[in-house]
Amino acid sequence: MCEAAWAASKSKGTYLQAQFRRLAALRGPKRALIAFASSILTAGYYMMQRATTYQELGPDYFDKPNTVRATHRLVKRLEALGHRVILEPRFAAAPSS
């Protein structure tokens, strides 16, 4: 199971990779691998029990619910690396008439 978890953690642009990276940041890569293998096994069990297929949630699944918190977290990380961060809106507001 750990080999399958390691292979899944290397997949690009998937929910599984995002979950592994999130766990590895909290626990370290070796402990995260065991926890990740357990979560894959649990997901497989419930897919078999409910006779459903795997639904890919996407790599940004953990950032979608709270974009403000994700923004603050990323700004703090950049500032900790010695960068000055200035945030600008991506799209300018339409002028009102």
PDB file of N, CA and C in Angstrom:
ATOM      1  N   MET A   1       0.827  -1.191   0.000  1.00  0.00           N
ATOM      2  CA  MET A   1       0.000   0.000   0.000  1.00  0.00           C
ATOM      3  C   MET A   1       0.870   1.253   0.000  1.00  0.00           C
ATOM      4  N   CYS A   2       2.000   1.179   0.680  1.00  0.00           N
ATOM      5  CA  CYS A   2       2.893   2.344   0.721  1.00  0.00           C
ATOM      6  C   CYS A   2       3.472   2.653  -0.660  1.00  0.00           C
ATOM      7  N   GLU A   3       3.746   1.619  -1.454  1.00  0.00           N
ATOM      8  CA  GLU A   3       4.254   1.856  -2.806  1.00  0.00           C
ATOM      9  C   GLU A   3       3.195   2.527  -3.671  1.00  0.00           C
ATOM     10  N   ALA A   4       1.950   2.109  -3.512  1.00  0.00           N
ATOM     11  CA  ALA A   4       0.861   2.751  -4.257  1.00  0.00           C
ATOM     12  C   ALA A   4       0.691   4.197  -3.803  1.00  0.00           C
ATOM     13  N   ALA A   5       0.826   4.440  -2.504  1.00  0.00           N
ATOM     14  CA  ALA A   5       0.711   5.797  -1.982  1.00  0.00           C
ATOM     15  C   ALA A   5       1.846   6.672  -2.495  1.00  0.00           C
ATOM     16  N   TRP A   6       3.049   6.121  -2.543  1.00  0.00           N
ATOM     17  CA  TRP A   6       4.193   6.890  -3.043  1.00  0.00           C
ATOM     18  C   TRP A   6       3.999   7.240  -4.518  1.00  0.00           C
ATOM     19  N   ALA A   7       3.498   6.286  -5.302  1.00  0.00           N
ATOM     20  CA  ALA A   7       3.245   6.550  -6.724  1.00  0.00           C
ATOM     21  C   ALA A   7       2.136   7.591  -6.884  1.00  0.00           C
ATOM     22  N   ALA A   8       1.093   7.502  -6.076  1.00  0.00           N
ATOM     23  CA  ALA A   8      -0.011   8.467  -6.166  1.00  0.00           C
ATOM     24  C   ALA A   8       0.442   9.857  -5.744  1.00  0.00           C
ATOM     25  N   SER A   9       1.373   9.939  -4.814  1.00  0.00           N
ATOM     26  CA  SER A   9       1.854  11.249  -4.369  1.00  0.00           C
ATOM     27  C   SER A   9       2.678  11.952  -5.447  1.00  0.00           C
ATOM     28  N   LYS A  10       3.205  11.193  -6.383  1.00  0.00           N
ATOM     29  CA  LYS A  10       4.005  11.766  -7.471  1.00  0.00           C
ATOM     30  C   LYS A  10       3.164  12.178  -8.674  1.00  0.00           C
ATOM     31  N   SER A  11       1.869  11.858  -8.669  1.00  0.00           N
ATOM     32  CA  SER A  11       1.013  12.231  -9.800  1.00  0.00           C
ATOM     33  C   SER A  11       0.854  13.745  -9.840  1.00  0.00           C
ATOM     34  N   LYS A  12       0.849  14.301 -11.010  1.00  0.00           N
ATOM     35  CA  LYS A  12       0.826  15.757 -11.178  1.00  0.00           C
ATOM     36  C   LYS A  12      -0.605  16.278 -11.278  1.00  0.00           C
ATOM     37  N   GLY A  13      -0.901  17.351 -10.557  1.00  0.00           N
ATOM     38  CA  GLY A  13      -2.181  18.037 -10.680  1.00  0.00           C
ATOM     39  C   GLY A  13      -3.382  17.222 -10.233  1.00  0.00           C
ATOM     40  N   THR A  14      -3.247  16.484  -9.132  1.00  0.00           N
ATOM     41  CA  THR A  14      -4.370  15.679  -8.658  1.00  0.00           C
ATOM     42  C   THR A  14      -4.654  15.984  -7.191  1.00  0.00           C
ATOM     43  N   TYR A  15      -5.831  15.580  -6.758  1.00  0.00           N
ATOM     44  CA  TYR A  15      -6.214  15.710  -5.354  1.00  0.00           C
ATOM     45  C   TYR A  15      -5.278  14.893  -4.470  1.00  0.00           C
ATOM     46  N   LEU A  16      -4.890  13.714  -4.943  1.00  0.00           N
ATOM     47  CA  LEU A  16      -4.028  12.848  -4.144  1.00  0.00           C
ATOM     48  C   LEU A  16      -2.673  13.494  -3.872  1.00  0.00           C
ATOM     49  N   GLN A  17      -2.113  14.143  -4.859  1.00  0.00           N
ATOM     50  CA  GLN A  17      -0.843  14.838  -4.652  1.00  0.00           C
ATOM     51  C   GLN A  17      -1.019  15.984  -3.666  1.00  0.00           C
ATOM     52  N   ALA A  18      -2.131  16.729  -3.786  1.00  0.00           N
ATOM     53  CA  ALA A  18      -2.383  17.837  -2.861  1.00  0.00           C
ATOM     54  C   ALA A  18      -2.555  17.328  -1.435  1.00  0.00           C
ATOM     55  N   GLN A  19      -3.231  16.201  -1.276  1.00  0.00           N
ATOM     56  CA  GLN A  19      -3.424  15.642   0.061  1.00  0.00           C
ATOM     57  C   GLN A  19      -2.090  15.191   0.660  1.00  0.00           C
ATOM     58  N   PHE A  20      -1.253  14.549  -0.143  1.00  0.00           N
ATOM     59  CA  PHE A  20       0.047  14.107   0.367  1.00  0.00           C
ATOM     60  C   PHE A  20       0.898  15.303   0.779  1.00  0.00           C
ATOM     61  N   ARG A  21       0.934  16.337  -0.043  1.00  0.00           N
ATOM     62  CA  ARG A  21       1.737  17.523   0.288  1.00  0.00           C
ATOM     63  C   ARG A  21       1.242  18.185   1.569  1.00  0.00           C
ATOM     64  N   ARG A  22      -0.076  18.208   1.745  1.00  0.00           N
ATOM     65  CA  ARG A  22      -0.659  18.793   2.951  1.00  0.00           C
ATOM     66  C   ARG A  22      -0.261  17.986   4.186  1.00  0.00           C
ATOM     67  N   LEU A  23      -0.329  16.664   4.089  1.00  0.00           N
ATOM     68  CA  LEU A  23       0.062  15.809   5.205  1.00  0.00           C
ATOM     69  C   LEU A  23       1.567  15.886   5.468  1.00  0.00           C
ATOM     70  N   ALA A  24       2.362  15.934   4.409  1.00  0.00           N
ATOM     71  CA  ALA A  24       3.818  15.975   4.562  1.00  0.00           C
ATOM     72  C   ALA A  24       4.269  17.268   5.231  1.00  0.00           C
ATOM     73  N   ALA A  25       3.557  18.353   4.970  1.00  0.00           N
ATOM     74  CA  ALA A  25       3.909  19.627   5.614  1.00  0.00           C
ATOM     75  C   ALA A  25       3.650  19.563   7.113  1.00  0.00           C
ATOM     76  N   LEU A  26       2.651  18.804   7.517  1.00  0.00           N
ATOM     77  CA  LEU A  26       2.308  18.707   8.932  1.00  0.00           C
ATOM     78  C   LEU A  26       3.119  17.642   9.666  1.00  0.00           C
ATOM     79  N   ARG A  27       3.353  16.496   9.021  1.00  0.00           N
ATOM     80  CA  ARG A  27       3.922  15.336   9.709  1.00  0.00           C
ATOM     81  C   ARG A  27       5.308  14.925   9.245  1.00  0.00           C
ATOM     82  N   GLY A  28       5.732  15.406   8.100  1.00  0.00           N
ATOM     83  CA  GLY A  28       6.975  14.917   7.515  1.00  0.00           C
ATOM     84  C   GLY A  28       6.648  13.849   6.484  1.00  0.00           C
ATOM     85  N   PRO A  29       7.537  13.626   5.531  1.00  0.00           N
ATOM     86  CA  PRO A  29       7.201  12.737   4.413  1.00  0.00           C
ATOM     87  C   PRO A  29       6.984  11.273   4.789  1.00  0.00           C
ATOM     88  N   LYS A  30       7.729  10.738   5.738  1.00  0.00           N
ATOM     89  CA  LYS A  30       7.582   9.313   6.059  1.00  0.00           C
ATOM     90  C   LYS A  30       6.271   9.035   6.789  1.00  0.00           C
ATOM     91  N   ARG A  31       5.941   9.842   7.761  1.00  0.00           N
ATOM     92  CA  ARG A  31       4.670   9.651   8.471  1.00  0.00           C
ATOM     93  C   ARG A  31       3.493   9.974   7.562  1.00  0.00           C
ATOM     94  N   ALA A  32       3.678  10.968   6.719  1.00  0.00           N
ATOM     95  CA  ALA A  32       2.610  11.332   5.782  1.00  0.00           C
ATOM     96  C   ALA A  32       2.333  10.184   4.823  1.00  0.00           C
ATOM     97  N   LEU A  33       3.362   9.465   4.421  1.00  0.00           N
ATOM     98  CA  LEU A  33       3.183   8.349   3.498  1.00  0.00           C
ATOM     99  C   LEU A  33       2.288   7.270   4.113  1.00  0.00           C
ATOM    100  N   ILE A  34       2.483   6.965   5.379  1.00  0.00           N
ATOM    101  CA  ILE A  34       1.666   5.957   6.057  1.00  0.00           C
ATOM    102  C   ILE A  34       0.221   6.453   6.183  1.00  0.00           C
ATOM    103  N   ALA A  35       0.050   7.715   6.582  1.00  0.00           N
ATOM    104  CA  ALA A  35      -1.298   8.279   6.707  1.00  0.00           C
ATOM    105  C   ALA A  35      -1.985   8.339   5.346  1.00  0.00           C
ATOM    106  N   PHE A  36      -1.235   8.669   4.327  1.00  0.00           N
ATOM    107  CA  PHE A  36      -1.760   8.766   2.972  1.00  0.00           C
ATOM    108  C   PHE A  36      -2.178   7.395   2.447  1.00  0.00           C
ATOM    109  N   ALA A  37      -1.371   6.369   2.726  1.00  0.00           N
ATOM    110  CA  ALA A  37      -1.717   5.002   2.326  1.00  0.00           C
ATOM    111  C   ALA A  37      -3.000   4.564   3.020  1.00  0.00           C
ATOM    112  N   SER A  38      -3.148   4.947   4.271  1.00  0.00           N
ATOM    113  CA  SER A  38      -4.362   4.616   5.010  1.00  0.00           C
ATOM    114  C   SER A  38      -5.588   5.296   4.408  1.00  0.00           C
ATOM    115  N   SER A  39      -5.436   6.547   4.012  1.00  0.00           N
ATOM    116  CA  SER A  39      -6.580   7.263   3.430  1.00  0.00           C
ATOM    117  C   SER A  39      -6.958   6.698   2.061  1.00  0.00           C
ATOM    118  N   ILE A  40      -5.967   6.241   1.282  1.00  0.00           N
ATOM    119  CA  ILE A  40      -6.261   5.608  -0.006  1.00  0.00           C
ATOM    120  C   ILE A  40      -7.004   4.289   0.227  1.00  0.00           C
ATOM    121  N   LEU A  41      -6.563   3.535   1.222  1.00  0.00           N
ATOM    122  CA  LEU A  41      -7.212   2.275   1.556  1.00  0.00           C
ATOM    123  C   LEU A  41      -8.650   2.508   2.021  1.00  0.00           C
ATOM    124  N   THR A  42      -8.865   3.527   2.825  1.00  0.00           N
ATOM    125  CA  THR A  42     -10.208   3.870   3.294  1.00  0.00           C
ATOM    126  C   THR A  42     -11.100   4.285   2.133  1.00  0.00           C
ATOM    127  N   ALA A  43     -10.572   5.103   1.240  1.00  0.00           N
ATOM    128  CA  ALA A  43     -11.347   5.533   0.072  1.00  0.00           C
ATOM    129  C   ALA A  43     -11.714   4.324  -0.799  1.00  0.00           C
ATOM    130  N   GLY A  44     -10.768   3.429  -0.997  1.00  0.00           N
ATOM    131  CA  GLY A  44     -11.042   2.224  -1.777  1.00  0.00           C
ATOM    132  C   GLY A  44     -12.109   1.354  -1.138  1.00  0.00           C
ATOM    133  N   TYR A  45     -12.065   1.239   0.184  1.00  0.00           N
ATOM    134  CA  TYR A  45     -13.067   0.451   0.900  1.00  0.00           C
ATOM    135  C   TYR A  45     -14.467   1.019   0.677  1.00  0.00           C
ATOM    136  N   TYR A  46     -14.610   2.335   0.828  1.00  0.00           N
ATOM    137  CA  TYR A  46     -15.927   2.945   0.664  1.00  0.00           C
ATOM    138  C   TYR A  46     -16.400   2.937  -0.787  1.00  0.00           C
ATOM    139  N   MET A  47     -15.464   3.020  -1.743  1.00  0.00           N
ATOM    140  CA  MET A  47     -15.863   2.930  -3.149  1.00  0.00           C
ATOM    141  C   MET A  47     -16.393   1.528  -3.454  1.00  0.00           C
ATOM    142  N   MET A  48     -15.753   0.521  -2.891  1.00  0.00           N
ATOM    143  CA  MET A  48     -16.231  -0.848  -3.110  1.00  0.00           C
ATOM    144  C   MET A  48     -17.553  -1.095  -2.375  1.00  0.00           C
ATOM    145  N   GLN A  49     -17.670  -0.582  -1.169  1.00  0.00           N
ATOM    146  CA  GLN A  49     -18.885  -0.784  -0.387  1.00  0.00           C
ATOM    147  C   GLN A  49     -20.093  -0.125  -1.045  1.00  0.00           C
ATOM    148  N   ARG A  50     -19.887   1.066  -1.585  1.00  0.00           N
ATOM    149  CA  ARG A  50     -20.993   1.821  -2.189  1.00  0.00           C
ATOM    150  C   ARG A  50     -21.103   1.609  -3.696  1.00  0.00           C
ATOM    151  N   ALA A  51     -20.233   0.831  -4.263  1.00  0.00           N
ATOM    152  CA  ALA A  51     -20.214   0.544  -5.705  1.00  0.00           C
ATOM    153  C   ALA A  51     -20.184   1.830  -6.527  1.00  0.00           C
ATOM    154  N   THR A  52     -19.263   2.725  -6.169  1.00  0.00           N
ATOM    155  CA  THR A  52     -19.100   3.976  -6.887  1.00  0.00           C
ATOM    156  C   THR A  52     -17.720   4.022  -7.537  1.00  0.00           C
ATOM    157  N   THR A  53     -17.520   5.021  -8.376  1.00  0.00           N
ATOM    158  CA  THR A  53     -16.220   5.209  -9.003  1.00  0.00           C
ATOM    159  C   THR A  53     -15.502   6.371  -8.331  1.00  0.00           C
ATOM    160  N   TYR A  54     -14.210   6.466  -8.583  1.00  0.00           N
ATOM    161  CA  TYR A  54     -13.401   7.529  -8.001  1.00  0.00           C
ATOM    162  C   TYR A  54     -13.718   8.857  -8.676  1.00  0.00           C
ATOM    163  N   GLN A  55     -13.949   9.882  -7.890  1.00  0.00           N
ATOM    164  CA  GLN A  55     -14.205  11.229  -8.404  1.00  0.00           C
ATOM    165  C   GLN A  55     -13.003  12.111  -8.076  1.00  0.00           C
ATOM    166  N   GLU A  56     -12.298  12.568  -9.091  1.00  0.00           N
ATOM    167  CA  GLU A  56     -11.138  13.442  -8.885  1.00  0.00           C
ATOM    168  C   GLU A  56     -11.623  14.817  -8.442  1.00  0.00           C
ATOM    169  N   LEU A  57     -11.124  15.293  -7.312  1.00  0.00           N
ATOM    170  CA  LEU A  57     -11.553  16.572  -6.753  1.00  0.00           C
ATOM    171  C   LEU A  57     -10.697  17.744  -7.224  1.00  0.00           C
ATOM    172  N   GLY A  58      -9.532  17.472  -7.756  1.00  0.00           N
ATOM    173  CA  GLY A  58      -8.668  18.522  -8.280  1.00  0.00           C
ATOM    174  C   GLY A  58      -7.600  18.934  -7.283  1.00  0.00           C
ATOM    175  N   PRO A  59      -6.494  19.493  -7.789  1.00  0.00           N
ATOM    176  CA  PRO A  59      -5.374  19.845  -6.917  1.00  0.00           C
ATOM    177  C   PRO A  59      -5.650  21.036  -6.004  1.00  0.00           C
ATOM    178  N   ASP A  60      -6.633  21.857  -6.339  1.00  0.00           N
ATOM    179  CA  ASP A  60      -6.923  23.037  -5.522  1.00  0.00           C
ATOM    180  C   ASP A  60      -8.097  22.814  -4.571  1.00  0.00           C
ATOM    181  N   TYR A  61      -8.431  21.560  -4.296  1.00  0.00           N
ATOM    182  CA  TYR A  61      -9.576  21.226  -3.450  1.00  0.00           C
ATOM    183  C   TYR A  61      -9.450  21.826  -2.047  1.00  0.00           C
ATOM    184  N   PHE A  62      -8.248  21.825  -1.486  1.00  0.00           N
ATOM    185  CA  PHE A  62      -8.054  22.330  -0.129  1.00  0.00           C
ATOM    186  C   PHE A  62      -8.016  23.852  -0.075  1.00  0.00           C
ATOM    187  N   ASP A  63      -7.772  24.512  -1.192  1.00  0.00           N
ATOM    188  CA  ASP A  63      -7.719  25.974  -1.218  1.00  0.00           C
ATOM    189  C   ASP A  63      -9.046  26.609  -1.611  1.00  0.00           C
ATOM    190  N   LYS A  64      -9.930  25.866  -2.283  1.00  0.00           N
ATOM    191  CA  LYS A  64     -11.202  26.420  -2.751  1.00  0.00           C
ATOM    192  C   LYS A  64     -12.103  26.962  -1.645  1.00  0.00           C
ATOM    193  N   PRO A  65     -12.337  26.212  -0.547  1.00  0.00           N
ATOM    194  CA  PRO A  65     -13.321  26.659   0.437  1.00  0.00           C
ATOM    195  C   PRO A  65     -12.988  28.005   1.077  1.00  0.00           C
ATOM    196  N   ASN A  66     -11.717  28.299   1.266  1.00  0.00           N
ATOM    197  CA  ASN A  66     -11.372  29.534   1.940  1.00  0.00           C
ATOM    198  C   ASN A  66     -10.188  30.187   1.231  1.00  0.00           C
ATOM    199  N   THR A  67     -10.482  30.932   0.191  1.00  0.00           N
ATOM    200  CA  THR A  67      -9.413  31.544  -0.599  1.00  0.00           C
ATOM    201  C   THR A  67      -8.696  32.645   0.169  1.00  0.00           C
ATOM    202  N   VAL A  68      -9.397  33.313   1.062  1.00  0.00           N
ATOM    203  CA  VAL A  68      -8.765  34.380   1.848  1.00  0.00           C
ATOM    204  C   VAL A  68      -7.690  33.796   2.753  1.00  0.00           C
ATOM    205  N   ARG A  69      -8.002  32.688   3.423  1.00  0.00           N
ATOM    206  CA  ARG A  69      -7.025  32.059   4.308  1.00  0.00           C
ATOM    207  C   ARG A  69      -5.834  31.536   3.516  1.00  0.00           C
ATOM    208  N   ALA A  70      -6.100  30.962   2.346  1.00  0.00           N
ATOM    209  CA  ALA A  70      -5.004  30.457   1.508  1.00  0.00           C
ATOM    210  C   ALA A  70      -4.116  31.610   1.051  1.00  0.00           C
ATOM    211  N   THR A  71      -4.724  32.751   0.721  1.00  0.00           N
ATOM    212  CA  THR A  71      -3.959  33.924   0.298  1.00  0.00           C
ATOM    213  C   THR A  71      -3.054  34.413   1.420  1.00  0.00           C
ATOM    214  N   HIS A  72      -3.596  34.537   2.621  1.00  0.00           N
ATOM    215  CA  HIS A  72      -2.795  34.991   3.764  1.00  0.00           C
ATOM    216  C   HIS A  72      -1.661  34.018   4.075  1.00  0.00           C
ATOM    217  N   ARG A  73      -1.943  32.723   3.979  1.00  0.00           N
ATOM    218  CA  ARG A  73      -0.925  31.715   4.249  1.00  0.00           C
ATOM    219  C   ARG A  73       0.221  31.820   3.243  1.00  0.00           C
ATOM    220  N   LEU A  74      -0.120  31.995   1.973  1.00  0.00           N
ATOM    221  CA  LEU A  74       0.915  32.077   0.940  1.00  0.00           C
ATOM    222  C   LEU A  74       1.710  33.375   1.034  1.00  0.00           C
ATOM    223  N   VAL A  75       1.039  34.471   1.385  1.00  0.00           N
ATOM    224  CA  VAL A  75       1.748  35.738   1.572  1.00  0.00           C
ATOM    225  C   VAL A  75       2.737  35.616   2.725  1.00  0.00           C
ATOM    226  N   LYS A  76       2.328  34.992   3.823  1.00  0.00           N
ATOM    227  CA  LYS A  76       3.229  34.798   4.963  1.00  0.00           C
ATOM    228  C   LYS A  76       4.443  33.963   4.574  1.00  0.00           C
ATOM    229  N   ARG A  77       4.212  32.933   3.760  1.00  0.00           N
ATOM    230  CA  ARG A  77       5.334  32.099   3.333  1.00  0.00           C
ATOM    231  C   ARG A  77       6.326  32.896   2.502  1.00  0.00           C
ATOM    232  N   LEU A  78       5.823  33.725   1.588  1.00  0.00           N
ATOM    233  CA  LEU A  78       6.722  34.542   0.767  1.00  0.00           C
ATOM    234  C   LEU A  78       7.466  35.573   1.606  1.00  0.00           C
ATOM    235  N   GLU A  79       6.771  36.183   2.571  1.00  0.00           N
ATOM    236  CA  GLU A  79       7.429  37.163   3.433  1.00  0.00           C
ATOM    237  C   GLU A  79       8.485  36.500   4.310  1.00  0.00           C
ATOM    238  N   ALA A  80       8.247  35.278   4.729  1.00  0.00           N
ATOM    239  CA  ALA A  80       9.235  34.548   5.519  1.00  0.00           C
ATOM    240  C   ALA A  80      10.485  34.244   4.695  1.00  0.00           C
ATOM    241  N   LEU A  81      10.323  34.159   3.391  1.00  0.00           N
ATOM    242  CA  LEU A  81      11.466  33.930   2.499  1.00  0.00           C
ATOM    243  C   LEU A  81      12.186  35.222   2.129  1.00  0.00           C
ATOM    244  N   GLY A  82      11.699  36.351   2.643  1.00  0.00           N
ATOM    245  CA  GLY A  82      12.372  37.620   2.414  1.00  0.00           C
ATOM    246  C   GLY A  82      11.813  38.455   1.274  1.00  0.00           C
ATOM    247  N   HIS A  83      10.618  38.144   0.802  1.00  0.00           N
ATOM    248  CA  HIS A  83      10.014  38.915  -0.280  1.00  0.00           C
ATOM    249  C   HIS A  83       9.011  39.912   0.285  1.00  0.00           C
ATOM    250  N   ARG A  84       8.848  41.018  -0.408  1.00  0.00           N
ATOM    251  CA  ARG A  84       7.797  41.964  -0.064  1.00  0.00           C
ATOM    252  C   ARG A  84       6.639  41.698  -1.019  1.00  0.00           C
ATOM    253  N   VAL A  85       5.453  41.544  -0.470  1.00  0.00           N
ATOM    254  CA  VAL A  85       4.299  41.148  -1.273  1.00  0.00           C
ATOM    255  C   VAL A  85       3.296  42.289  -1.300  1.00  0.00           C
ATOM    256  N   ILE A  86       2.894  42.660  -2.508  1.00  0.00           N
ATOM    257  CA  ILE A  86       1.848  43.666  -2.700  1.00  0.00           C
ATOM    258  C   ILE A  86       0.760  42.998  -3.528  1.00  0.00           C
ATOM    259  N   LEU A  87      -0.437  42.913  -2.976  1.00  0.00           N
ATOM    260  CA  LEU A  87      -1.539  42.256  -3.668  1.00  0.00           C
ATOM    261  C   LEU A  87      -2.356  43.280  -4.440  1.00  0.00           C
ATOM    262  N   GLU A  88      -2.672  42.937  -5.671  1.00  0.00           N
ATOM    263  CA  GLU A  88      -3.525  43.766  -6.525  1.00  0.00           C
ATOM    264  C   GLU A  88      -4.659  42.901  -7.043  1.00  0.00           C
ATOM    265  N   PRO A  89      -5.828  43.485  -7.252  1.00  0.00           N
ATOM    266  CA  PRO A  89      -6.908  42.682  -7.830  1.00  0.00           C
ATOM    267  C   PRO A  89      -6.543  42.275  -9.256  1.00  0.00           C
ATOM    268  N   ARG A  90      -6.925  41.076  -9.620  1.00  0.00           N
ATOM    269  CA  ARG A  90      -6.580  40.554 -10.948  1.00  0.00           C
ATOM    270  C   ARG A  90      -7.326  41.305 -12.038  1.00  0.00           C
ATOM    271  N   PHE A  91      -8.601  41.576 -11.805  1.00  0.00           N
ATOM    272  CA  PHE A  91      -9.425  42.289 -12.785  1.00  0.00           C
ATOM    273  C   PHE A  91      -9.849  43.605 -12.181  1.00  0.00           C
ATOM    274  N   ALA A  92      -9.729  44.669 -12.954  1.00  0.00           N
ATOM    275  CA  ALA A  92     -10.167  45.977 -12.466  1.00  0.00           C
ATOM    276  C   ALA A  92     -11.690  46.039 -12.468  1.00  0.00           C
ATOM    277  N   ALA A  93     -12.240  46.737 -11.497  1.00  0.00           N
ATOM    278  CA  ALA A  93     -13.688  46.880 -11.412  1.00  0.00           C
ATOM    279  C   ALA A  93     -14.175  47.726 -12.572  1.00  0.00           C
ATOM    280  N   ALA A  94     -15.346  47.379 -13.102  1.00  0.00           N
ATOM    281  CA  ALA A  94     -15.903  48.127 -14.214  1.00  0.00           C
ATOM    282  C   ALA A  94     -16.354  49.507 -13.711  1.00  0.00           C
ATOM    283  N   PRO A  95     -16.067  50.563 -14.459  1.00  0.00           N
ATOM    284  CA  PRO A  95     -16.501  51.896 -14.018  1.00  0.00           C
ATOM    285  C   PRO A  95     -18.025  52.014 -14.053  1.00  0.00           C
ATOM    286  N   SER A  96     -18.541  52.635 -13.016  1.00  0.00           N
ATOM    287  CA  SER A  96     -20.006  52.799 -12.969  1.00  0.00           C
ATOM    288  C   SER A  96     -20.389  54.066 -13.733  1.00  0.00           C
ATOM    289  N   SER A  97     -21.555  54.026 -14.399  1.00  0.00           N
ATOM    290  CA  SER A  97     -21.986  55.185 -15.162  1.00  0.00           C
ATOM    291  C   SER A  97     -23.236  55.779 -14.610  1.00  0.00           C
TER     292      SER A  97
END
